């Protein structure tokens, strides 16, 4: 039963990662009335976030170009997932932003407890 819960927690981590990218894209497309700005922010924002994740955190750090560990990894995750929640909040979606942040906190606590990457 614990193995199933651990697997579900890692699935949640993946879904949260996707949620951050979607959140940043959503924020970008609500940013301005100018379509050029919307396209730049709506596409460029998620690309920037994806590049940062790939450089520092992909695959729990095992697939990252410059893997972070320990406190640095924790701070990166807080900034990255917090950035996704902030993007939702700034786009006017306060309830989904709070849900994203709360889901990340629960997921991170369980990953620490179960020693998952």
PDB file of N, CA and C in Angstrom:
ATOM      1  N   UNK A   1       0.815  -1.190   0.000  1.00  0.00           N
ATOM      2  CA  UNK A   1       0.000   0.000   0.000  1.00  0.00           C
ATOM      3  C   UNK A   1       0.865   1.264   0.000  1.00  0.00           C
ATOM      4  N   UNK A   2       1.969   1.238   0.749  1.00  0.00           N
ATOM      5  CA  UNK A   2       2.864   2.389   0.792  1.00  0.00           C
ATOM      6  C   UNK A   2       3.492   2.637  -0.583  1.00  0.00           C
ATOM      7  N   UNK A   3       3.801   1.565  -1.295  1.00  0.00           N
ATOM      8  CA  UNK A   3       4.383   1.720  -2.630  1.00  0.00           C
ATOM      9  C   UNK A   3       3.414   2.437  -3.569  1.00  0.00           C
ATOM     10  N   UNK A   4       2.139   2.146  -3.446  1.00  0.00           N
ATOM     11  CA  UNK A   4       1.124   2.814  -4.272  1.00  0.00           C
ATOM     12  C   UNK A   4       1.056   4.300  -3.914  1.00  0.00           C
ATOM     13  N   UNK A   5       1.088   4.603  -2.630  1.00  0.00           N
ATOM     14  CA  UNK A   5       1.045   6.002  -2.182  1.00  0.00           C
ATOM     15  C   UNK A   5       2.281   6.759  -2.667  1.00  0.00           C
ATOM     16  N   UNK A   6       3.445   6.112  -2.612  1.00  0.00           N
ATOM     17  CA  UNK A   6       4.664   6.755  -3.099  1.00  0.00           C
ATOM     18  C   UNK A   6       4.590   7.001  -4.605  1.00  0.00           C
ATOM     19  N   UNK A   7       4.063   6.045  -5.327  1.00  0.00           N
ATOM     20  CA  UNK A   7       3.885   6.223  -6.771  1.00  0.00           C
ATOM     21  C   UNK A   7       2.914   7.348  -7.085  1.00  0.00           C
ATOM     22  N   UNK A   8       1.834   7.426  -6.323  1.00  0.00           N
ATOM     23  CA  UNK A   8       0.854   8.497  -6.510  1.00  0.00           C
ATOM     24  C   UNK A   8       1.480   9.852  -6.205  1.00  0.00           C
ATOM     25  N   UNK A   9       2.352   9.902  -5.209  1.00  0.00           N
ATOM     26  CA  UNK A   9       3.011  11.158  -4.874  1.00  0.00           C
ATOM     27  C   UNK A   9       3.948  11.604  -6.000  1.00  0.00           C
ATOM     28  N   UNK A  10       4.635  10.660  -6.626  1.00  0.00           N
ATOM     29  CA  UNK A  10       5.503  11.028  -7.747  1.00  0.00           C
ATOM     30  C   UNK A  10       4.672  11.441  -8.965  1.00  0.00           C
ATOM     31  N   UNK A  11       3.527  10.836  -9.150  1.00  0.00           N
ATOM     32  CA  UNK A  11       2.622  11.271 -10.216  1.00  0.00           C
ATOM     33  C   UNK A  11       2.144  12.693  -9.940  1.00  0.00           C
ATOM     34  N   UNK A  12       1.819  12.974  -8.689  1.00  0.00           N
ATOM     35  CA  UNK A  12       1.419  14.327  -8.320  1.00  0.00           C
ATOM     36  C   UNK A  12       2.540  15.317  -8.613  1.00  0.00           C
ATOM     37  N   UNK A  13       3.776  14.947  -8.327  1.00  0.00           N
ATOM     38  CA  UNK A  13       4.918  15.819  -8.613  1.00  0.00           C
ATOM     39  C   UNK A  13       4.962  16.150 -10.098  1.00  0.00           C
ATOM     40  N   UNK A  14       4.803  15.149 -10.944  1.00  0.00           N
ATOM     41  CA  UNK A  14       4.821  15.360 -12.392  1.00  0.00           C
ATOM     42  C   UNK A  14       3.675  16.279 -12.822  1.00  0.00           C
ATOM     43  N   UNK A  15       2.494  16.042 -12.278  1.00  0.00           N
ATOM     44  CA  UNK A  15       1.342  16.878 -12.624  1.00  0.00           C
ATOM     45  C   UNK A  15       1.527  18.310 -12.137  1.00  0.00           C
ATOM     46  N   UNK A  16       2.151  18.478 -10.984  1.00  0.00           N
ATOM     47  CA  UNK A  16       2.449  19.829 -10.493  1.00  0.00           C
ATOM     48  C   UNK A  16       3.451  20.535 -11.411  1.00  0.00           C
ATOM     49  N   UNK A  17       4.448  19.794 -11.899  1.00  0.00           N
ATOM     50  CA  UNK A  17       5.408  20.368 -12.838  1.00  0.00           C
ATOM     51  C   UNK A  17       4.687  20.877 -14.086  1.00  0.00           C
ATOM     52  N   UNK A  18       3.801  20.046 -14.628  1.00  0.00           N
ATOM     53  CA  UNK A  18       3.020  20.464 -15.797  1.00  0.00           C
ATOM     54  C   UNK A  18       2.128  21.650 -15.448  1.00  0.00           C
ATOM     55  N   UNK A  19       1.559  21.625 -14.249  1.00  0.00           N
ATOM     56  CA  UNK A  19       0.699  22.713 -13.807  1.00  0.00           C
ATOM     57  C   UNK A  19       1.421  24.045 -13.756  1.00  0.00           C
ATOM     58  N   UNK A  20       2.672  24.025 -13.342  1.00  0.00           N
ATOM     59  CA  UNK A  20       3.452  25.270 -13.307  1.00  0.00           C
ATOM     60  C   UNK A  20       3.634  25.804 -14.725  1.00  0.00           C
ATOM     61  N   UNK A  21       3.989  24.933 -15.649  1.00  0.00           N
ATOM     62  CA  UNK A  21       4.184  25.383 -17.033  1.00  0.00           C
ATOM     63  C   UNK A  21       2.890  25.945 -17.616  1.00  0.00           C
ATOM     64  N   UNK A  22       1.779  25.281 -17.358  1.00  0.00           N
ATOM     65  CA  UNK A  22       0.475  25.755 -17.833  1.00  0.00           C
ATOM     66  C   UNK A  22       0.120  27.077 -17.164  1.00  0.00           C
ATOM     67  N   UNK A  23       0.392  27.192 -15.883  1.00  0.00           N
ATOM     68  CA  UNK A  23       0.088  28.417 -15.136  1.00  0.00           C
ATOM     69  C   UNK A  23       0.851  29.611 -15.681  1.00  0.00           C
ATOM     70  N   UNK A  24       2.123  29.413 -15.950  1.00  0.00           N
ATOM     71  CA  UNK A  24       2.945  30.503 -16.477  1.00  0.00           C
ATOM     72  C   UNK A  24       2.461  30.884 -17.880  1.00  0.00           C
ATOM     73  N   UNK A  25       2.107  29.899 -18.678  1.00  0.00           N
ATOM     74  CA  UNK A  25       1.556  30.203 -20.004  1.00  0.00           C
ATOM     75  C   UNK A  25       0.243  30.951 -19.913  1.00  0.00           C
ATOM     76  N   UNK A  26      -0.618  30.527 -19.017  1.00  0.00           N
ATOM     77  CA  UNK A  26      -1.908  31.203 -18.813  1.00  0.00           C
ATOM     78  C   UNK A  26      -1.680  32.656 -18.403  1.00  0.00           C
ATOM     79  N   UNK A  27      -0.774  32.866 -17.451  1.00  0.00           N
ATOM     80  CA  UNK A  27      -0.447  34.225 -17.032  1.00  0.00           C
ATOM     81  C   UNK A  27       0.021  35.048 -18.222  1.00  0.00           C
ATOM     82  N   UNK A  28       0.900  34.478 -19.027  1.00  0.00           N
ATOM     83  CA  UNK A  28       1.440  35.214 -20.166  1.00  0.00           C
ATOM     84  C   UNK A  28       0.371  35.649 -21.148  1.00  0.00           C
ATOM     85  N   UNK A  29      -0.606  34.784 -21.381  1.00  0.00           N
ATOM     86  CA  UNK A  29      -1.658  35.118 -22.337  1.00  0.00           C
ATOM     87  C   UNK A  29      -2.707  36.063 -21.758  1.00  0.00           C
ATOM     88  N   UNK A  30      -2.653  36.329 -20.460  1.00  0.00           N
ATOM     89  CA  UNK A  30      -3.567  37.304 -19.859  1.00  0.00           C
ATOM     90  C   UNK A  30      -2.844  38.608 -19.516  1.00  0.00           C
ATOM     91  N   UNK A  31      -1.582  38.715 -19.862  1.00  0.00           N
ATOM     92  CA  UNK A  31      -0.737  39.810 -19.417  1.00  0.00           C
ATOM     93  C   UNK A  31      -1.101  41.165 -20.000  1.00  0.00           C
ATOM     94  N   UNK A  32      -1.447  41.228 -21.266  1.00  0.00           N
ATOM     95  CA  UNK A  32      -1.617  42.517 -21.934  1.00  0.00           C
ATOM     96  C   UNK A  32      -2.680  42.398 -23.014  1.00  0.00           C
ATOM     97  N   UNK A  33      -3.147  43.534 -23.480  1.00  0.00           N
ATOM     98  CA  UNK A  33      -4.083  43.518 -24.595  1.00  0.00           C
ATOM     99  C   UNK A  33      -3.331  43.418 -25.924  1.00  0.00           C
ATOM    100  N   UNK A  34      -2.030  43.631 -25.910  1.00  0.00           N
ATOM    101  CA  UNK A  34      -1.202  43.546 -27.106  1.00  0.00           C
ATOM    102  C   UNK A  34      -0.867  42.076 -27.397  1.00  0.00           C
ATOM    103  N   UNK A  35      -1.253  41.594 -28.575  1.00  0.00           N
ATOM    104  CA  UNK A  35      -1.037  40.189 -28.901  1.00  0.00           C
ATOM    105  C   UNK A  35       0.427  39.803 -28.965  1.00  0.00           C
ATOM    106  N   UNK A  36       1.280  40.736 -29.366  1.00  0.00           N
ATOM    107  CA  UNK A  36       2.714  40.439 -29.393  1.00  0.00           C
ATOM    108  C   UNK A  36       3.249  40.139 -28.003  1.00  0.00           C
ATOM    109  N   UNK A  37       2.841  40.937 -27.044  1.00  0.00           N
ATOM    110  CA  UNK A  37       3.263  40.717 -25.653  1.00  0.00           C
ATOM    111  C   UNK A  37       2.682  39.409 -25.141  1.00  0.00           C
ATOM    112  N   UNK A  38       1.420  39.165 -25.451  1.00  0.00           N
ATOM    113  CA  UNK A  38       0.786  37.918 -25.012  1.00  0.00           C
ATOM    114  C   UNK A  38       1.528  36.699 -25.558  1.00  0.00           C
ATOM    115  N   UNK A  39       1.850  36.729 -26.838  1.00  0.00           N
ATOM    116  CA  UNK A  39       2.560  35.590 -27.431  1.00  0.00           C
ATOM    117  C   UNK A  39       3.944  35.414 -26.822  1.00  0.00           C
ATOM    118  N   UNK A  40       4.660  36.523 -26.667  1.00  0.00           N
ATOM    119  CA  UNK A  40       6.002  36.440 -26.099  1.00  0.00           C
ATOM    120  C   UNK A  40       5.962  35.880 -24.677  1.00  0.00           C
ATOM    121  N   UNK A  41       5.088  36.423 -23.841  1.00  0.00           N
ATOM    122  CA  UNK A  41       5.007  35.968 -22.447  1.00  0.00           C
ATOM    123  C   UNK A  41       4.340  34.601 -22.338  1.00  0.00           C
ATOM    124  N   UNK A  42       3.306  34.361 -23.143  1.00  0.00           N
ATOM    125  CA  UNK A  42       2.559  33.105 -23.067  1.00  0.00           C
ATOM    126  C   UNK A  42       3.336  31.901 -23.548  1.00  0.00           C
ATOM    127  N   UNK A  43       4.262  32.129 -24.465  1.00  0.00           N
ATOM    128  CA  UNK A  43       5.098  31.028 -24.961  1.00  0.00           C
ATOM    129  C   UNK A  43       6.479  31.079 -24.311  1.00  0.00           C
ATOM    130  N   UNK A  44       7.026  32.273 -24.193  1.00  0.00           N
ATOM    131  CA  UNK A  44       8.369  32.420 -23.637  1.00  0.00           C
ATOM    132  C   UNK A  44       8.464  32.098 -22.163  1.00  0.00           C
ATOM    133  N   UNK A  45       7.424  32.439 -21.401  1.00  0.00           N
ATOM    134  CA  UNK A  45       7.440  32.148 -19.968  1.00  0.00           C
ATOM    135  C   UNK A  45       7.572  30.663 -19.665  1.00  0.00           C
ATOM    136  N   UNK A  46       6.694  29.823 -20.240  1.00  0.00           N
ATOM    137  CA  UNK A  46       6.834  28.385 -19.988  1.00  0.00           C
ATOM    138  C   UNK A  46       8.143  27.805 -20.527  1.00  0.00           C
ATOM    139  N   UNK A  47       8.625  28.338 -21.649  1.00  0.00           N
ATOM    140  CA  UNK A  47       9.903  27.855 -22.186  1.00  0.00           C
ATOM    141  C   UNK A  47      11.028  28.174 -21.201  1.00  0.00           C
ATOM    142  N   UNK A  48      11.025  29.394 -20.667  1.00  0.00           N
ATOM    143  CA  UNK A  48      12.041  29.770 -19.686  1.00  0.00           C
ATOM    144  C   UNK A  48      11.964  28.875 -18.446  1.00  0.00           C
ATOM    145  N   UNK A  49      10.773  28.641 -17.938  1.00  0.00           N
ATOM    146  CA  UNK A  49      10.606  27.775 -16.770  1.00  0.00           C
ATOM    147  C   UNK A  49      11.068  26.348 -17.081  1.00  0.00           C
ATOM    148  N   UNK A  50      10.732  25.846 -18.268  1.00  0.00           N
ATOM    149  CA  UNK A  50      11.140  24.482 -18.649  1.00  0.00           C
ATOM    150  C   UNK A  50      12.660  24.374 -18.753  1.00  0.00           C
ATOM    151  N   UNK A  51      13.297  25.389 -19.306  1.00  0.00           N
ATOM    152  CA  UNK A  51      14.754  25.379 -19.410  1.00  0.00           C
ATOM    153  C   UNK A  51      15.384  25.373 -18.016  1.00  0.00           C
ATOM    154  N   UNK A  52      14.870  26.201 -17.127  1.00  0.00           N
ATOM    155  CA  UNK A  52      15.399  26.219 -15.761  1.00  0.00           C
ATOM    156  C   UNK A  52      15.235  24.861 -15.083  1.00  0.00           C
ATOM    157  N   UNK A  53      14.056  24.240 -15.268  1.00  0.00           N
ATOM    158  CA  UNK A  53      13.826  22.921 -14.670  1.00  0.00           C
ATOM    159  C   UNK A  53      14.800  21.902 -15.242  1.00  0.00           C
ATOM    160  N   UNK A  54      14.991  21.944 -16.550  1.00  0.00           N
ATOM    161  CA  UNK A  54      15.913  21.012 -17.194  1.00  0.00           C
ATOM    162  C   UNK A  54      17.350  21.208 -16.747  1.00  0.00           C
ATOM    163  N   UNK A  55      17.742  22.445 -16.549  1.00  0.00           N
ATOM    164  CA  UNK A  55      19.109  22.722 -16.124  1.00  0.00           C
ATOM    165  C   UNK A  55      19.386  22.293 -14.691  1.00  0.00           C
ATOM    166  N   UNK A  56      18.408  22.487 -13.804  1.00  0.00           N
ATOM    167  CA  UNK A  56      18.698  22.325 -12.381  1.00  0.00           C
ATOM    168  C   UNK A  56      17.928  21.223 -11.649  1.00  0.00           C
ATOM    169  N   UNK A  57      16.834  20.709 -12.204  1.00  0.00           N
ATOM    170  CA  UNK A  57      16.006  19.826 -11.385  1.00  0.00           C
ATOM    171  C   UNK A  57      15.419  18.612 -12.104  1.00  0.00           C
ATOM    172  N   UNK A  58      15.624  18.463 -13.385  1.00  0.00           N
ATOM    173  CA  UNK A  58      14.967  17.393 -14.137  1.00  0.00           C
ATOM    174  C   UNK A  58      15.275  16.012 -13.571  1.00  0.00           C
ATOM    175  N   UNK A  59      14.260  15.192 -13.531  1.00  0.00           N
ATOM    176  CA  UNK A  59      14.423  13.819 -13.067  1.00  0.00           C
ATOM    177  C   UNK A  59      14.901  13.718 -11.636  1.00  0.00           C
ATOM    178  N   UNK A  60      14.451  14.632 -10.801  1.00  0.00           N
ATOM    179  CA  UNK A  60      14.909  14.630  -9.418  1.00  0.00           C
ATOM    180  C   UNK A  60      16.374  15.009  -9.300  1.00  0.00           C
ATOM    181  N   UNK A  61      16.905  15.617 -10.354  1.00  0.00           N
ATOM    182  CA  UNK A  61      18.303  16.017 -10.388  1.00  0.00           C
ATOM    183  C   UNK A  61      19.173  15.072 -11.194  1.00  0.00           C
ATOM    184  N   UNK A  62      18.705  13.847 -11.410  1.00  0.00           N
ATOM    185  CA  UNK A  62      19.529  12.877 -12.134  1.00  0.00           C
ATOM    186  C   UNK A  62      19.657  13.205 -13.615  1.00  0.00           C
ATOM    187  N   UNK A  63      18.669  13.877 -14.193  1.00  0.00           N
ATOM    188  CA  UNK A  63      18.720  14.238 -15.606  1.00  0.00           C
ATOM    189  C   UNK A  63      19.084  15.699 -15.819  1.00  0.00           C
ATOM    190  N   UNK A  64      19.323  16.440 -14.760  1.00  0.00           N
ATOM    191  CA  UNK A  64      19.621  17.865 -14.855  1.00  0.00           C
ATOM    192  C   UNK A  64      21.057  18.083 -15.321  1.00  0.00           C
ATOM    193  N   UNK A  65      21.253  19.163 -16.061  1.00  0.00           N
ATOM    194  CA  UNK A  65      22.597  19.526 -16.506  1.00  0.00           C
ATOM    195  C   UNK A  65      23.462  19.925 -15.323  1.00  0.00           C
ATOM    196  N   UNK A  66      22.909  20.732 -14.428  1.00  0.00           N
ATOM    197  CA  UNK A  66      23.594  21.185 -13.213  1.00  0.00           C
ATOM    198  C   UNK A  66      22.714  20.834 -12.017  1.00  0.00           C
ATOM    199  N   UNK A  67      22.726  19.573 -11.601  1.00  0.00           N
ATOM    200  CA  UNK A  67      21.788  19.154 -10.551  1.00  0.00           C
ATOM    201  C   UNK A  67      22.025  19.856  -9.217  1.00  0.00           C
ATOM    202  N   UNK A  68      20.922  20.284  -8.639  1.00  0.00           N
ATOM    203  CA  UNK A  68      20.961  20.891  -7.308  1.00  0.00           C
ATOM    204  C   UNK A  68      20.586  19.831  -6.279  1.00  0.00           C
ATOM    205  N   UNK A  69      21.181  19.935  -5.113  1.00  0.00           N
ATOM    206  CA  UNK A  69      20.866  18.998  -4.042  1.00  0.00           C
ATOM    207  C   UNK A  69      20.677  19.768  -2.743  1.00  0.00           C
ATOM    208  N   UNK A  70      20.097  19.091  -1.788  1.00  0.00           N
ATOM    209  CA  UNK A  70      19.957  19.659  -0.447  1.00  0.00           C
ATOM    210  C   UNK A  70      19.151  20.937  -0.412  1.00  0.00           C
ATOM    211  N   UNK A  71      19.658  21.908   0.338  1.00  0.00           N
ATOM    212  CA  UNK A  71      18.955  23.185   0.537  1.00  0.00           C
ATOM    213  C   UNK A  71      18.781  23.921  -0.790  1.00  0.00           C
ATOM    214  N   UNK A  72      19.796  23.879  -1.643  1.00  0.00           N
ATOM    215  CA  UNK A  72      19.706  24.572  -2.933  1.00  0.00           C
ATOM    216  C   UNK A  72      18.550  24.011  -3.758  1.00  0.00           C
ATOM    217  N   UNK A  73      18.391  22.694  -3.750  1.00  0.00           N
ATOM    218  CA  UNK A  73      17.279  22.068  -4.476  1.00  0.00           C
ATOM    219  C   UNK A  73      15.943  22.502  -3.875  1.00  0.00           C
ATOM    220  N   UNK A  74      15.857  22.501  -2.562  1.00  0.00           N
ATOM    221  CA  UNK A  74      14.626  22.915  -1.894  1.00  0.00           C
ATOM    222  C   UNK A  74      14.257  24.351  -2.212  1.00  0.00           C
ATOM    223  N   UNK A  75      15.238  25.236  -2.170  1.00  0.00           N
ATOM    224  CA  UNK A  75      14.982  26.643  -2.483  1.00  0.00           C
ATOM    225  C   UNK A  75      14.578  26.819  -3.943  1.00  0.00           C
ATOM    226  N   UNK A  76      15.223  26.062  -4.824  1.00  0.00           N
ATOM    227  CA  UNK A  76      14.851  26.127  -6.242  1.00  0.00           C
ATOM    228  C   UNK A  76      13.403  25.695  -6.438  1.00  0.00           C
ATOM    229  N   UNK A  77      13.020  24.590  -5.803  1.00  0.00           N
ATOM    230  CA  UNK A  77      11.644  24.107  -5.934  1.00  0.00           C
ATOM    231  C   UNK A  77      10.642  25.108  -5.383  1.00  0.00           C
ATOM    232  N   UNK A  78      10.943  25.698  -4.240  1.00  0.00           N
ATOM    233  CA  UNK A  78      10.032  26.694  -3.666  1.00  0.00           C
ATOM    234  C   UNK A  78       9.881  27.866  -4.631  1.00  0.00           C
ATOM    235  N   UNK A  79      10.983  28.334  -5.207  1.00  0.00           N
ATOM    236  CA  UNK A  79      10.922  29.452  -6.154  1.00  0.00           C
ATOM    237  C   UNK A  79      10.182  29.052  -7.421  1.00  0.00           C
ATOM    238  N   UNK A  80      10.434  27.844  -7.927  1.00  0.00           N
ATOM    239  CA  UNK A  80       9.842  27.407  -9.189  1.00  0.00           C
ATOM    240  C   UNK A  80       8.337  27.184  -9.044  1.00  0.00           C
ATOM    241  N   UNK A  81       7.944  26.401  -8.051  1.00  0.00           N
ATOM    242  CA  UNK A  81       6.517  26.150  -7.844  1.00  0.00           C
ATOM    243  C   UNK A  81       5.815  27.401  -7.319  1.00  0.00           C
ATOM    244  N   UNK A  82       6.504  28.182  -6.498  1.00  0.00           N
ATOM    245  CA  UNK A  82       5.949  29.455  -6.054  1.00  0.00           C
ATOM    246  C   UNK A  82       5.746  30.406  -7.219  1.00  0.00           C
ATOM    247  N   UNK A  83       6.655  30.371  -8.182  1.00  0.00           N
ATOM    248  CA  UNK A  83       6.494  31.187  -9.385  1.00  0.00           C
ATOM    249  C   UNK A  83       5.256  30.795 -10.170  1.00  0.00           C
ATOM    250  N   UNK A  84       4.978  29.506 -10.236  1.00  0.00           N
ATOM    251  CA  UNK A  84       3.763  29.045 -10.906  1.00  0.00           C
ATOM    252  C   UNK A  84       2.511  29.507 -10.187  1.00  0.00           C
ATOM    253  N   UNK A  85       2.516  29.409  -8.868  1.00  0.00           N
ATOM    254  CA  UNK A  85       1.363  29.864  -8.084  1.00  0.00           C
ATOM    255  C   UNK A  85       1.206  31.373  -8.196  1.00  0.00           C
ATOM    256  N   UNK A  86       2.316  32.092  -8.164  1.00  0.00           N
ATOM    257  CA  UNK A  86       2.268  33.549  -8.308  1.00  0.00           C
ATOM    258  C   UNK A  86       1.727  33.940  -9.682  1.00  0.00           C
ATOM    259  N   UNK A  87       2.130  33.218 -10.709  1.00  0.00           N
ATOM    260  CA  UNK A  87       1.629  33.508 -12.055  1.00  0.00           C
ATOM    261  C   UNK A  87       0.114  33.351 -12.107  1.00  0.00           C
ATOM    262  N   UNK A  88      -0.400  32.290 -11.509  1.00  0.00           N
ATOM    263  CA  UNK A  88      -1.854  32.106 -11.473  1.00  0.00           C
ATOM    264  C   UNK A  88      -2.528  33.235 -10.711  1.00  0.00           C
ATOM    265  N   UNK A  89      -1.954  33.595  -9.588  1.00  0.00           N
ATOM    266  CA  UNK A  89      -2.529  34.673  -8.775  1.00  0.00           C
ATOM    267  C   UNK A  89      -2.560  35.986  -9.564  1.00  0.00           C
ATOM    268  N   UNK A  90      -1.462  36.296 -10.234  1.00  0.00           N
ATOM    269  CA  UNK A  90      -1.388  37.538 -11.010  1.00  0.00           C
ATOM    270  C   UNK A  90      -2.333  37.521 -12.206  1.00  0.00           C
ATOM    271  N   UNK A  91      -2.685  36.326 -12.667  1.00  0.00           N
ATOM    272  CA  UNK A  91      -3.631  36.203 -13.778  1.00  0.00           C
ATOM    273  C   UNK A  91      -5.073  36.283 -13.286  1.00  0.00           C
ATOM    274  N   UNK A  92      -5.248  36.435 -11.981  1.00  0.00           N
ATOM    275  CA  UNK A  92      -6.588  36.576 -11.421  1.00  0.00           C
ATOM    276  C   UNK A  92      -7.221  35.275 -10.983  1.00  0.00           C
ATOM    277  N   UNK A  93      -6.425  34.231 -10.852  1.00  0.00           N
ATOM    278  CA  UNK A  93      -6.941  32.918 -10.455  1.00  0.00           C
ATOM    279  C   UNK A  93      -6.406  32.582  -9.062  1.00  0.00           C
ATOM    280  N   UNK A  94      -6.912  33.272  -8.054  1.00  0.00           N
ATOM    281  CA  UNK A  94      -6.391  33.119  -6.695  1.00  0.00           C
ATOM    282  C   UNK A  94      -6.653  31.731  -6.117  1.00  0.00           C
ATOM    283  N   UNK A  95      -7.837  31.172  -6.345  1.00  0.00           N
ATOM    284  CA  UNK A  95      -8.150  29.851  -5.783  1.00  0.00           C
ATOM    285  C   UNK A  95      -7.277  28.764  -6.392  1.00  0.00           C
ATOM    286  N   UNK A  96      -7.142  28.693  -7.730  1.00  0.00           N
ATOM    287  CA  UNK A  96      -6.213  27.701  -8.284  1.00  0.00           C
ATOM    288  C   UNK A  96      -4.766  27.928  -7.829  1.00  0.00           C
ATOM    289  N   UNK A  97      -4.374  29.179  -7.640  1.00  0.00           N
ATOM    290  CA  UNK A  97      -3.023  29.468  -7.155  1.00  0.00           C
ATOM    291  C   UNK A  97      -2.812  28.886  -5.765  1.00  0.00           C
ATOM    292  N   UNK A  98      -3.792  29.062  -4.900  1.00  0.00           N
ATOM    293  CA  UNK A  98      -3.703  28.514  -3.548  1.00  0.00           C
ATOM    294  C   UNK A  98      -3.684  26.991  -3.575  1.00  0.00           C
ATOM    295  N   UNK A  99      -4.482  26.390  -4.463  1.00  0.00           N
ATOM    296  CA  UNK A  99      -4.499  24.932  -4.587  1.00  0.00           C
ATOM    297  C   UNK A  99      -3.140  24.420  -5.057  1.00  0.00           C
ATOM    298  N   UNK A 100      -2.549  25.080  -6.058  1.00  0.00           N
ATOM    299  CA  UNK A 100      -1.235  24.670  -6.561  1.00  0.00           C
ATOM    300  C   UNK A 100      -0.191  24.744  -5.453  1.00  0.00           C
ATOM    301  N   UNK A 101      -0.199  25.844  -4.707  1.00  0.00           N
ATOM    302  CA  UNK A 101       0.768  26.005  -3.624  1.00  0.00           C
ATOM    303  C   UNK A 101       0.568  24.956  -2.531  1.00  0.00           C
ATOM    304  N   UNK A 102      -0.676  24.710  -2.157  1.00  0.00           N
ATOM    305  CA  UNK A 102      -0.956  23.721  -1.104  1.00  0.00           C
ATOM    306  C   UNK A 102      -0.583  22.314  -1.557  1.00  0.00           C
ATOM    307  N   UNK A 103      -0.887  21.987  -2.799  1.00  0.00           N
ATOM    308  CA  UNK A 103      -0.547  20.657  -3.325  1.00  0.00           C
ATOM    309  C   UNK A 103       0.967  20.475  -3.342  1.00  0.00           C
ATOM    310  N   UNK A 104       1.709  21.537  -3.686  1.00  0.00           N
ATOM    311  CA  UNK A 104       3.165  21.446  -3.665  1.00  0.00           C
ATOM    312  C   UNK A 104       3.674  21.203  -2.256  1.00  0.00           C
ATOM    313  N   UNK A 105       3.145  21.903  -1.274  1.00  0.00           N
ATOM    314  CA  UNK A 105       3.595  21.743   0.113  1.00  0.00           C
ATOM    315  C   UNK A 105       3.368  20.312   0.588  1.00  0.00           C
ATOM    316  N   UNK A 106       2.190  19.770   0.318  1.00  0.00           N
ATOM    317  CA  UNK A 106       1.891  18.381   0.710  1.00  0.00           C
ATOM    318  C   UNK A 106       2.828  17.418  -0.011  1.00  0.00           C
ATOM    319  N   UNK A 107       2.992  17.620  -1.325  1.00  0.00           N
ATOM    320  CA  UNK A 107       3.861  16.753  -2.107  1.00  0.00           C
ATOM    321  C   UNK A 107       5.298  16.804  -1.594  1.00  0.00           C
ATOM    322  N   UNK A 108       5.801  18.006  -1.341  1.00  0.00           N
ATOM    323  CA  UNK A 108       7.182  18.153  -0.869  1.00  0.00           C
ATOM    324  C   UNK A 108       7.367  17.509   0.499  1.00  0.00           C
ATOM    325  N   UNK A 109       6.401  17.688   1.382  1.00  0.00           N
ATOM    326  CA  UNK A 109       6.499  17.081   2.718  1.00  0.00           C
ATOM    327  C   UNK A 109       6.531  15.557   2.617  1.00  0.00           C
ATOM    328  N   UNK A 110       5.680  14.999   1.767  1.00  0.00           N
ATOM    329  CA  UNK A 110       5.671  13.540   1.604  1.00  0.00           C
ATOM    330  C   UNK A 110       6.956  13.048   0.948  1.00  0.00           C
ATOM    331  N   UNK A 111       7.479  13.797  -0.018  1.00  0.00           N
ATOM    332  CA  UNK A 111       8.745  13.390  -0.640  1.00  0.00           C
ATOM    333  C   UNK A 111       9.879  13.402   0.370  1.00  0.00           C
ATOM    334  N   UNK A 112       9.891  14.382   1.270  1.00  0.00           N
ATOM    335  CA  UNK A 112      10.906  14.409   2.319  1.00  0.00           C
ATOM    336  C   UNK A 112      10.736  13.237   3.282  1.00  0.00           C
ATOM    337  N   UNK A 113       9.503  13.002   3.685  1.00  0.00           N
ATOM    338  CA  UNK A 113       9.210  11.910   4.618  1.00  0.00           C
ATOM    339  C   UNK A 113       9.601  10.553   4.026  1.00  0.00           C
ATOM    340  N   UNK A 114       9.297  10.360   2.747  1.00  0.00           N
ATOM    341  CA  UNK A 114       9.545   9.081   2.089  1.00  0.00           C
ATOM    342  C   UNK A 114      10.868   9.040   1.354  1.00  0.00           C
ATOM    343  N   UNK A 115      11.659  10.088   1.481  1.00  0.00           N
ATOM    344  CA  UNK A 115      12.976  10.174   0.843  1.00  0.00           C
ATOM    345  C   UNK A 115      12.907   9.930  -0.664  1.00  0.00           C
ATOM    346  N   UNK A 116      11.969  10.644  -1.295  1.00  0.00           N
ATOM    347  CA  UNK A 116      11.830  10.578  -2.746  1.00  0.00           C
ATOM    348  C   UNK A 116      12.515  11.794  -3.360  1.00  0.00           C
ATOM    349  N   UNK A 117      12.992  11.658  -4.595  1.00  0.00           N
ATOM    350  CA  UNK A 117      13.639  12.776  -5.282  1.00  0.00           C
ATOM    351  C   UNK A 117      12.651  13.776  -5.762  1.00  0.00           C
TER     352      UNK A 117
END
